[in-house]
């Protein structure tokens, strides 16, 4: 079962302040582009988005959530780890400017 990419958007009154994009592939849901307006970061909006995503996933029979995180962005690594995500894979990619990018695949089973 493959689905098109979808988004979840968080609003403060009528103003969008956060979003993430996701795609379902069989029993796994992969999400990316989690972004929160810097003016409202630290208020739990990212956590609320992921809690909703977990609830939505569970209701639809999804058993696994997956995201990729840059390992050098330690606050993001900690954010996902604190929410129960564990590193399931690591890759080193070479960017076009020959810089190395260490990516962790982080997974949470529901």
N, C-alpha and C. Protein backbone atom coordinates (compact mmCIF):
# COMPACT_ATOMS: atom_id res chain seq x y z
N UNK A 1 0.85 -1.18 0.00
CA UNK A 1 0.00 0.00 0.00
C UNK A 1 0.89 1.24 0.00
N UNK A 2 0.81 2.03 -1.05
CA UNK A 2 1.59 3.26 -1.16
C UNK A 2 0.64 4.44 -1.24
N UNK A 3 0.99 5.50 -0.57
CA UNK A 3 0.17 6.70 -0.57
C UNK A 3 0.98 7.87 -1.09
N UNK A 4 0.28 8.92 -1.46
CA UNK A 4 0.98 10.14 -1.86
C UNK A 4 1.45 10.87 -0.60
N UNK A 5 2.35 11.81 -0.81
CA UNK A 5 2.84 12.59 0.33
C UNK A 5 1.74 13.50 0.85
N UNK A 6 1.65 13.60 2.17
CA UNK A 6 0.67 14.45 2.82
C UNK A 6 1.39 15.34 3.82
N UNK A 7 0.67 16.31 4.36
CA UNK A 7 1.26 17.23 5.35
C UNK A 7 0.31 17.41 6.52
N UNK A 8 0.89 17.68 7.67
CA UNK A 8 0.13 18.09 8.85
C UNK A 8 0.64 19.48 9.19
N UNK A 9 -0.28 20.41 9.37
CA UNK A 9 0.08 21.80 9.64
C UNK A 9 -0.50 22.20 11.00
N UNK A 10 0.33 22.83 11.83
CA UNK A 10 -0.11 23.34 13.12
C UNK A 10 -0.41 24.82 12.97
N UNK A 11 -1.52 25.26 13.55
CA UNK A 11 -1.93 26.66 13.48
C UNK A 11 -1.97 27.27 14.87
N UNK A 12 -1.63 28.54 14.95
CA UNK A 12 -1.84 29.35 16.15
C UNK A 12 -2.83 30.41 15.71
N UNK A 13 -4.05 30.34 16.22
CA UNK A 13 -5.18 31.12 15.69
C UNK A 13 -5.31 30.72 14.23
N UNK A 14 -5.17 31.64 13.30
CA UNK A 14 -5.31 31.27 11.88
C UNK A 14 -3.97 31.31 11.15
N UNK A 15 -2.87 31.36 11.90
CA UNK A 15 -1.55 31.47 11.29
C UNK A 15 -0.81 30.13 11.38
N UNK A 16 -0.34 29.60 10.24
CA UNK A 16 0.44 28.35 10.31
C UNK A 16 1.77 28.59 11.02
N UNK A 17 2.09 27.73 12.00
CA UNK A 17 3.34 27.91 12.77
C UNK A 17 4.24 26.68 12.72
N UNK A 18 3.75 25.59 12.15
CA UNK A 18 4.57 24.39 12.07
C UNK A 18 3.98 23.40 11.10
N UNK A 19 4.85 22.54 10.57
CA UNK A 19 4.35 21.51 9.66
C UNK A 19 5.33 20.36 9.56
N UNK A 20 4.82 19.26 9.08
CA UNK A 20 5.66 18.13 8.71
C UNK A 20 5.02 17.45 7.51
N UNK A 21 5.84 16.75 6.75
CA UNK A 21 5.34 16.02 5.59
C UNK A 21 5.58 14.54 5.85
N UNK A 22 4.66 13.70 5.33
CA UNK A 22 4.79 12.27 5.56
C UNK A 22 4.25 11.48 4.39
N UNK A 23 4.66 10.22 4.37
CA UNK A 23 4.20 9.31 3.33
C UNK A 23 4.10 7.92 3.95
N UNK A 24 3.02 7.22 3.61
CA UNK A 24 2.82 5.85 4.11
C UNK A 24 3.29 4.88 3.04
N UNK A 25 4.08 3.90 3.48
CA UNK A 25 4.57 2.86 2.58
C UNK A 25 4.42 1.53 3.31
N UNK A 26 3.42 0.75 2.93
CA UNK A 26 3.07 -0.50 3.62
C UNK A 26 2.71 -0.19 5.06
N UNK A 27 3.38 -0.82 6.03
CA UNK A 27 3.04 -0.60 7.43
C UNK A 27 3.92 0.45 8.10
N UNK A 28 4.71 1.18 7.29
CA UNK A 28 5.59 2.21 7.85
C UNK A 28 5.16 3.58 7.35
N UNK A 29 5.40 4.57 8.18
CA UNK A 29 5.15 5.95 7.80
C UNK A 29 6.47 6.69 7.94
N UNK A 30 6.93 7.30 6.87
CA UNK A 30 8.15 8.10 6.96
C UNK A 30 7.77 9.57 6.90
N UNK A 31 8.40 10.35 7.77
CA UNK A 31 8.10 11.78 7.79
C UNK A 31 9.39 12.57 7.67
N UNK A 32 9.24 13.81 7.21
CA UNK A 32 10.40 14.67 7.01
C UNK A 32 9.94 16.13 6.97
N UNK A 33 10.90 17.00 6.84
CA UNK A 33 10.62 18.43 6.76
C UNK A 33 9.80 18.93 7.95
N UNK A 34 10.15 18.46 9.14
CA UNK A 34 9.49 18.98 10.34
C UNK A 34 10.04 20.38 10.56
N UNK A 35 9.17 21.37 10.52
CA UNK A 35 9.65 22.74 10.70
C UNK A 35 8.67 23.52 11.56
N UNK A 36 9.24 24.28 12.47
CA UNK A 36 8.46 25.10 13.40
C UNK A 36 8.96 26.54 13.26
N UNK A 37 8.04 27.48 13.18
CA UNK A 37 8.40 28.89 13.10
C UNK A 37 9.33 29.22 14.28
N UNK A 38 10.51 29.79 14.01
CA UNK A 38 11.45 30.09 15.10
C UNK A 38 10.85 30.95 16.22
N UNK A 39 9.87 31.78 15.90
CA UNK A 39 9.26 32.65 16.93
C UNK A 39 8.48 31.86 17.97
N UNK A 40 8.08 30.62 17.63
CA UNK A 40 7.27 29.84 18.57
C UNK A 40 7.96 28.52 18.95
N UNK A 41 9.22 28.36 18.60
CA UNK A 41 9.93 27.13 18.98
C UNK A 41 10.04 27.06 20.50
N UNK A 42 10.05 25.83 21.01
CA UNK A 42 10.16 25.63 22.46
C UNK A 42 8.81 25.60 23.16
N UNK A 43 7.73 25.71 22.42
CA UNK A 43 6.38 25.69 23.02
C UNK A 43 5.71 24.32 22.90
N UNK A 44 6.43 23.32 22.40
CA UNK A 44 5.86 21.98 22.30
C UNK A 44 5.10 21.71 21.02
N UNK A 45 5.18 22.60 20.04
CA UNK A 45 4.42 22.42 18.80
C UNK A 45 4.93 21.21 18.02
N UNK A 46 6.24 21.04 17.95
CA UNK A 46 6.81 19.88 17.25
C UNK A 46 6.35 18.58 17.89
N UNK A 47 6.36 18.56 19.21
CA UNK A 47 5.92 17.36 19.94
C UNK A 47 4.44 17.09 19.68
N UNK A 48 3.63 18.14 19.63
CA UNK A 48 2.20 17.97 19.35
C UNK A 48 1.99 17.42 17.94
N UNK A 49 2.76 17.92 16.97
CA UNK A 49 2.65 17.42 15.61
C UNK A 49 2.97 15.92 15.56
N UNK A 50 4.03 15.52 16.25
CA UNK A 50 4.42 14.11 16.24
C UNK A 50 3.43 13.25 17.03
N UNK A 51 2.90 13.77 18.11
CA UNK A 51 1.88 13.01 18.85
C UNK A 51 0.65 12.78 17.98
N UNK A 52 0.25 13.81 17.24
CA UNK A 52 -0.89 13.64 16.33
C UNK A 52 -0.56 12.64 15.24
N UNK A 53 0.67 12.72 14.71
CA UNK A 53 1.09 11.78 13.66
C UNK A 53 1.06 10.34 14.18
N UNK A 54 1.51 10.13 15.41
CA UNK A 54 1.48 8.79 16.00
C UNK A 54 0.04 8.31 16.16
N UNK A 55 -0.84 9.19 16.63
CA UNK A 55 -2.25 8.83 16.80
C UNK A 55 -2.87 8.47 15.44
N UNK A 56 -2.64 9.32 14.45
CA UNK A 56 -3.15 9.10 13.09
C UNK A 56 -2.62 7.77 12.55
N UNK A 57 -1.34 7.50 12.78
CA UNK A 57 -0.73 6.26 12.30
C UNK A 57 -1.37 5.05 12.97
N UNK A 58 -1.48 5.11 14.29
CA UNK A 58 -2.05 4.00 15.05
C UNK A 58 -3.48 3.71 14.59
N UNK A 59 -4.27 4.76 14.38
CA UNK A 59 -5.65 4.60 13.94
C UNK A 59 -5.74 3.94 12.56
N UNK A 60 -4.68 4.08 11.76
CA UNK A 60 -4.68 3.54 10.40
C UNK A 60 -3.83 2.28 10.26
N UNK A 61 -3.50 1.64 11.39
CA UNK A 61 -2.80 0.37 11.34
C UNK A 61 -1.31 0.46 11.02
N UNK A 62 -0.75 1.65 11.14
CA UNK A 62 0.69 1.82 10.90
C UNK A 62 1.43 1.41 12.16
N UNK A 63 2.47 0.62 12.01
CA UNK A 63 3.18 0.10 13.18
C UNK A 63 4.57 0.71 13.37
N UNK A 64 5.04 1.51 12.39
CA UNK A 64 6.40 2.02 12.47
C UNK A 64 6.47 3.44 11.89
N UNK A 65 7.13 4.33 12.62
CA UNK A 65 7.40 5.69 12.15
C UNK A 65 8.90 5.82 11.92
N UNK A 66 9.28 6.48 10.84
CA UNK A 66 10.69 6.59 10.46
C UNK A 66 10.99 8.02 10.02
N UNK A 67 12.16 8.53 10.44
CA UNK A 67 12.63 9.82 9.94
C UNK A 67 14.15 9.78 9.82
N UNK A 68 14.68 10.69 9.04
CA UNK A 68 16.12 10.83 8.90
C UNK A 68 16.53 12.13 9.57
N UNK A 69 17.62 12.07 10.34
CA UNK A 69 18.06 13.22 11.13
C UNK A 69 19.55 13.42 10.91
N UNK A 70 19.95 14.66 10.69
CA UNK A 70 21.38 14.96 10.60
C UNK A 70 22.00 14.78 11.98
N UNK A 71 23.01 13.94 12.05
CA UNK A 71 23.59 13.60 13.35
C UNK A 71 24.30 14.79 14.01
N UNK A 72 24.74 15.76 13.23
CA UNK A 72 25.43 16.91 13.82
C UNK A 72 24.45 17.93 14.41
N UNK A 73 23.15 17.75 14.19
CA UNK A 73 22.15 18.63 14.80
C UNK A 73 21.68 17.93 16.08
N UNK A 74 22.48 18.09 17.12
CA UNK A 74 22.27 17.30 18.35
C UNK A 74 20.92 17.60 19.00
N UNK A 75 20.42 18.83 18.90
CA UNK A 75 19.11 19.12 19.52
C UNK A 75 18.01 18.31 18.84
N UNK A 76 18.10 18.10 17.52
CA UNK A 76 17.10 17.27 16.84
C UNK A 76 17.26 15.81 17.22
N UNK A 77 18.50 15.34 17.32
CA UNK A 77 18.73 13.95 17.73
C UNK A 77 18.12 13.71 19.12
N UNK A 78 18.33 14.65 20.03
CA UNK A 78 17.80 14.53 21.39
C UNK A 78 16.27 14.61 21.37
N UNK A 79 15.72 15.51 20.55
CA UNK A 79 14.26 15.68 20.46
C UNK A 79 13.60 14.35 20.11
N UNK A 80 14.09 13.69 19.06
CA UNK A 80 13.49 12.42 18.65
C UNK A 80 13.76 11.32 19.66
N UNK A 81 14.96 11.29 20.20
CA UNK A 81 15.30 10.28 21.20
C UNK A 81 14.38 10.41 22.42
N UNK A 82 14.14 11.63 22.87
CA UNK A 82 13.26 11.87 24.02
C UNK A 82 11.83 11.41 23.75
N UNK A 83 11.43 11.36 22.46
CA UNK A 83 10.08 10.93 22.10
C UNK A 83 10.01 9.43 21.82
N UNK A 84 11.12 8.72 22.06
CA UNK A 84 11.10 7.27 21.93
C UNK A 84 11.66 6.72 20.62
N UNK A 85 12.25 7.58 19.80
CA UNK A 85 12.85 7.12 18.54
C UNK A 85 14.26 6.60 18.82
N UNK A 86 14.63 5.55 18.12
CA UNK A 86 15.97 4.98 18.27
C UNK A 86 16.66 4.95 16.90
N UNK A 87 17.97 5.03 16.92
CA UNK A 87 18.74 4.97 15.67
C UNK A 87 18.70 3.55 15.14
N UNK A 88 18.20 3.40 13.91
CA UNK A 88 18.12 2.07 13.31
C UNK A 88 19.12 1.93 12.15
N UNK A 89 19.70 3.03 11.71
CA UNK A 89 20.67 2.98 10.62
C UNK A 89 21.43 4.30 10.59
N UNK A 90 22.65 4.25 10.07
CA UNK A 90 23.46 5.47 9.89
C UNK A 90 24.07 5.43 8.50
N UNK A 91 24.12 6.59 7.88
CA UNK A 91 24.73 6.71 6.55
C UNK A 91 25.57 7.96 6.50
N UNK A 92 26.61 7.93 5.70
CA UNK A 92 27.39 9.13 5.43
C UNK A 92 27.22 9.43 3.95
N UNK A 93 26.70 10.61 3.66
CA UNK A 93 26.50 11.05 2.29
C UNK A 93 27.52 12.14 1.96
N UNK A 94 27.90 12.23 0.71
CA UNK A 94 28.76 13.32 0.26
C UNK A 94 27.90 14.32 -0.48
N UNK A 95 27.87 15.55 0.04
CA UNK A 95 27.08 16.60 -0.59
C UNK A 95 27.81 17.08 -1.85
N UNK A 96 27.12 17.81 -2.73
CA UNK A 96 27.76 18.30 -3.97
C UNK A 96 29.03 19.12 -3.72
N UNK A 97 29.12 19.77 -2.57
CA UNK A 97 30.33 20.56 -2.26
C UNK A 97 31.41 19.71 -1.59
N UNK A 98 31.25 18.39 -1.65
CA UNK A 98 32.17 17.40 -1.06
C UNK A 98 32.18 17.39 0.47
N UNK A 99 31.26 18.09 1.09
CA UNK A 99 31.11 18.00 2.54
C UNK A 99 30.43 16.69 2.87
N UNK A 100 30.82 16.09 3.98
CA UNK A 100 30.19 14.84 4.41
C UNK A 100 28.98 15.17 5.30
N UNK A 101 27.93 14.40 5.11
CA UNK A 101 26.71 14.58 5.88
C UNK A 101 26.38 13.25 6.53
N UNK A 102 26.41 13.22 7.86
CA UNK A 102 26.06 11.99 8.59
C UNK A 102 24.57 12.02 8.90
N UNK A 103 23.86 11.01 8.40
CA UNK A 103 22.43 10.90 8.63
C UNK A 103 22.11 9.67 9.47
N UNK A 104 21.24 9.86 10.43
CA UNK A 104 20.73 8.72 11.21
C UNK A 104 19.29 8.50 10.79
N UNK A 105 18.95 7.23 10.58
CA UNK A 105 17.55 6.87 10.43
C UNK A 105 17.06 6.54 11.82
N UNK A 106 16.01 7.24 12.25
CA UNK A 106 15.47 7.03 13.58
C UNK A 106 14.07 6.43 13.44
N UNK A 107 13.80 5.43 14.23
CA UNK A 107 12.58 4.64 14.10
C UNK A 107 11.86 4.54 15.44
N UNK A 108 10.55 4.53 15.38
CA UNK A 108 9.73 4.29 16.58
C UNK A 108 8.66 3.29 16.21
N UNK A 109 8.58 2.23 17.00
CA UNK A 109 7.51 1.22 16.79
C UNK A 109 6.33 1.60 17.65
N UNK A 110 5.14 1.51 17.06
CA UNK A 110 3.92 1.86 17.81
C UNK A 110 3.30 0.61 18.41
